[in-house]
Protein backbone atom coordinates (compact mmCIF):
# COMPACT_ATOMS: atom_id res chain seq x y z
CA MET A 1 110.22 96.88 103.03
CA GLN A 2 112.68 99.68 102.20
CA PHE A 3 112.16 103.43 102.58
CA ASP A 4 114.08 106.40 101.25
CA LEU A 5 113.95 108.69 104.28
CA GLU A 6 115.07 111.62 102.12
CA ASN A 7 112.06 111.22 99.82
CA LEU A 8 109.19 109.22 101.33
CA ASN A 9 106.68 110.10 98.60
CA PRO A 10 108.57 110.42 95.30
CA GLY A 11 105.68 109.82 92.94
CA THR A 12 104.97 107.36 90.16
CA LYS A 13 105.52 108.03 86.47
CA PHE A 14 102.54 107.42 84.18
CA PHE A 15 102.96 107.52 80.42
CA PHE A 16 100.39 109.14 78.14
CA ASP A 17 100.82 106.20 75.76
CA GLU A 18 102.06 102.96 77.33
CA THR A 19 103.17 101.68 73.92
CA ASP A 20 105.29 104.78 73.20
CA GLU A 21 107.03 106.27 76.23
CA LEU A 22 108.46 109.05 74.05
CA LYS A 23 105.01 110.67 73.90
CA GLY A 24 105.47 111.91 77.45
CA SER A 25 104.57 111.26 81.04
CA VAL A 26 103.36 112.77 84.27
CA THR A 27 104.83 111.88 87.66
CA ILE A 28 102.07 111.84 90.26
CA ARG A 29 101.88 111.17 93.99
CA VAL A 30 99.06 110.81 96.49
CA CYS A 31 98.67 113.48 99.14
CA ALA A 32 98.02 112.11 102.61
CA GLY A 33 99.03 112.40 106.22
CA ASP A 34 101.17 115.37 107.22
CA ASP A 35 101.16 116.81 103.69
CA LEU A 36 97.36 116.82 103.52
CA ARG A 37 97.12 118.40 106.97
CA ALA A 38 99.55 121.14 105.90
CA ILE A 39 97.49 121.90 102.78
CA ARG A 40 94.28 122.02 104.80
CA LYS A 41 95.92 124.35 107.30
CA GLN A 42 96.95 126.70 104.49
CA SER A 43 93.54 126.65 102.82
CA SER A 44 91.23 126.78 105.85
CA LYS A 45 90.46 129.20 108.60
CA LYS A 46 88.53 128.47 111.74
CA LYS A 47 85.21 130.19 111.83
CA VAL A 48 83.25 130.74 115.01
CA GLU A 49 79.52 131.23 115.38
CA TYR A 50 77.41 131.56 118.47
CA ARG A 51 74.03 129.87 118.52
CA ARG A 52 71.79 129.95 121.56
CA GLY A 53 74.73 130.91 123.72
CA GLN A 54 76.94 128.07 122.48
CA ARG A 55 80.20 128.62 120.66
CA ILE A 56 80.44 126.54 117.47
CA GLU A 57 83.78 126.34 115.70
CA TYR A 58 84.16 124.94 112.19
CA PRO A 59 86.63 125.14 109.32
CA ASP A 60 85.95 127.57 106.49
CA THR A 61 87.85 126.14 103.52
CA ASN A 62 88.87 128.10 100.45
CA GLU A 63 88.37 125.28 97.93
CA VAL A 64 90.14 127.13 95.12
CA VAL A 65 93.31 127.50 97.19
CA GLU A 66 93.02 123.92 98.48
CA ASN A 67 92.71 122.52 94.94
CA GLU A 68 95.66 124.57 93.70
CA LEU A 69 97.84 123.35 96.57
CA LEU A 70 96.73 119.74 96.03
CA TRP A 71 97.41 119.86 92.30
CA ASP A 72 100.82 121.40 92.90
CA PHE A 73 101.67 118.69 95.43
CA CYS A 74 100.26 115.71 93.52
CA ILE A 75 101.80 116.55 90.14
CA VAL A 76 105.52 116.16 90.77
CA ASP A 77 106.82 116.57 87.22
CA TRP A 78 105.98 115.97 83.60
CA ASP A 79 107.66 115.37 80.28
CA GLY A 80 106.17 115.82 76.84
CA VAL A 81 103.43 118.25 77.84
CA LEU A 82 103.51 120.55 74.84
CA ASP A 83 101.91 123.78 73.73
CA LYS A 84 100.16 124.15 70.34
CA ASN A 85 103.50 124.94 68.66
CA GLY A 86 105.18 121.82 70.03
CA GLY A 87 107.17 123.62 72.71
CA ASN A 88 107.54 122.17 76.18
CA ILE A 89 105.24 123.55 78.85
CA LEU A 90 107.21 124.00 82.05
CA CYS A 91 105.99 122.08 85.10
CA THR A 92 105.19 125.07 87.32
CA LYS A 93 102.43 125.58 89.86
CA ALA A 94 100.72 128.06 87.53
CA ASN A 95 100.77 125.61 84.61
CA LYS A 96 99.56 122.73 86.80
CA VAL A 97 96.64 124.87 87.97
CA LEU A 98 95.87 126.00 84.42
CA LEU A 99 95.87 122.49 82.95
CA MET A 100 93.94 120.93 85.83
CA GLY A 101 91.37 123.71 85.80
CA LYS A 102 90.91 124.19 82.06
CA SER A 103 91.91 120.98 80.26
CA PRO A 104 89.40 118.15 80.70
CA SER A 105 91.72 115.59 79.09
CA PHE A 106 94.69 116.47 81.30
CA SER A 107 92.64 116.63 84.51
CA LYS A 108 90.94 113.31 83.66
CA PHE A 109 94.33 111.68 83.01
CA VAL A 110 95.72 112.91 86.34
CA GLY A 111 92.52 112.05 88.23
CA ASP A 112 92.43 108.53 86.79
CA LYS A 113 96.07 107.94 87.74
CA LEU A 114 95.51 109.29 91.27
CA SER A 115 92.65 106.80 91.63
CA ILE A 116 94.96 103.99 90.57
CA LEU A 117 97.57 105.07 93.13
CA ALA A 118 94.95 105.28 95.88
CA GLU A 119 93.72 101.76 95.05
CA LEU A 120 97.27 100.40 95.09
CA GLU A 121 97.96 102.01 98.46
CA GLU A 122 94.75 100.53 99.87
CA GLU A 123 95.70 97.06 98.60
CA GLU A 124 99.19 97.42 100.10
CA LYS A 125 97.69 98.51 103.42
CA GLU A 126 95.42 95.44 103.48
CA VAL A 127 98.36 93.13 102.77
CA LEU A 128 100.40 94.69 105.58
CA GLU A 129 97.47 94.40 108.01
CA LYS A 130 97.10 90.67 107.23
CA ASN A 131 100.76 90.00 107.98
């Protein structure tokens, strides 16, 4: 098995229309491990409460911030994402957040592809564990 140590999680390109690659694509990657921990650290604060003399510590997560960071990480790039006039929409964090939060078709496409990637990773993990 080979690894690119410069880019361990480059993403996978998914086409909007598998029969016509010219209609555009989105490059997506799964967020796990160190990257997921970093996002959780940025989006959570430790909260402390005292109950019956006991100190209870738990994370208080800002889900809006966490989702924005996850979407920015998972969507690596895109091609052929167009505005209503046919102009290219730049692949920026703000545009990723806007499309994921307001466009059901775009968020469903990305969510479906993330599920596929997660399933493939799980299958690969099972194969490696058997060997």
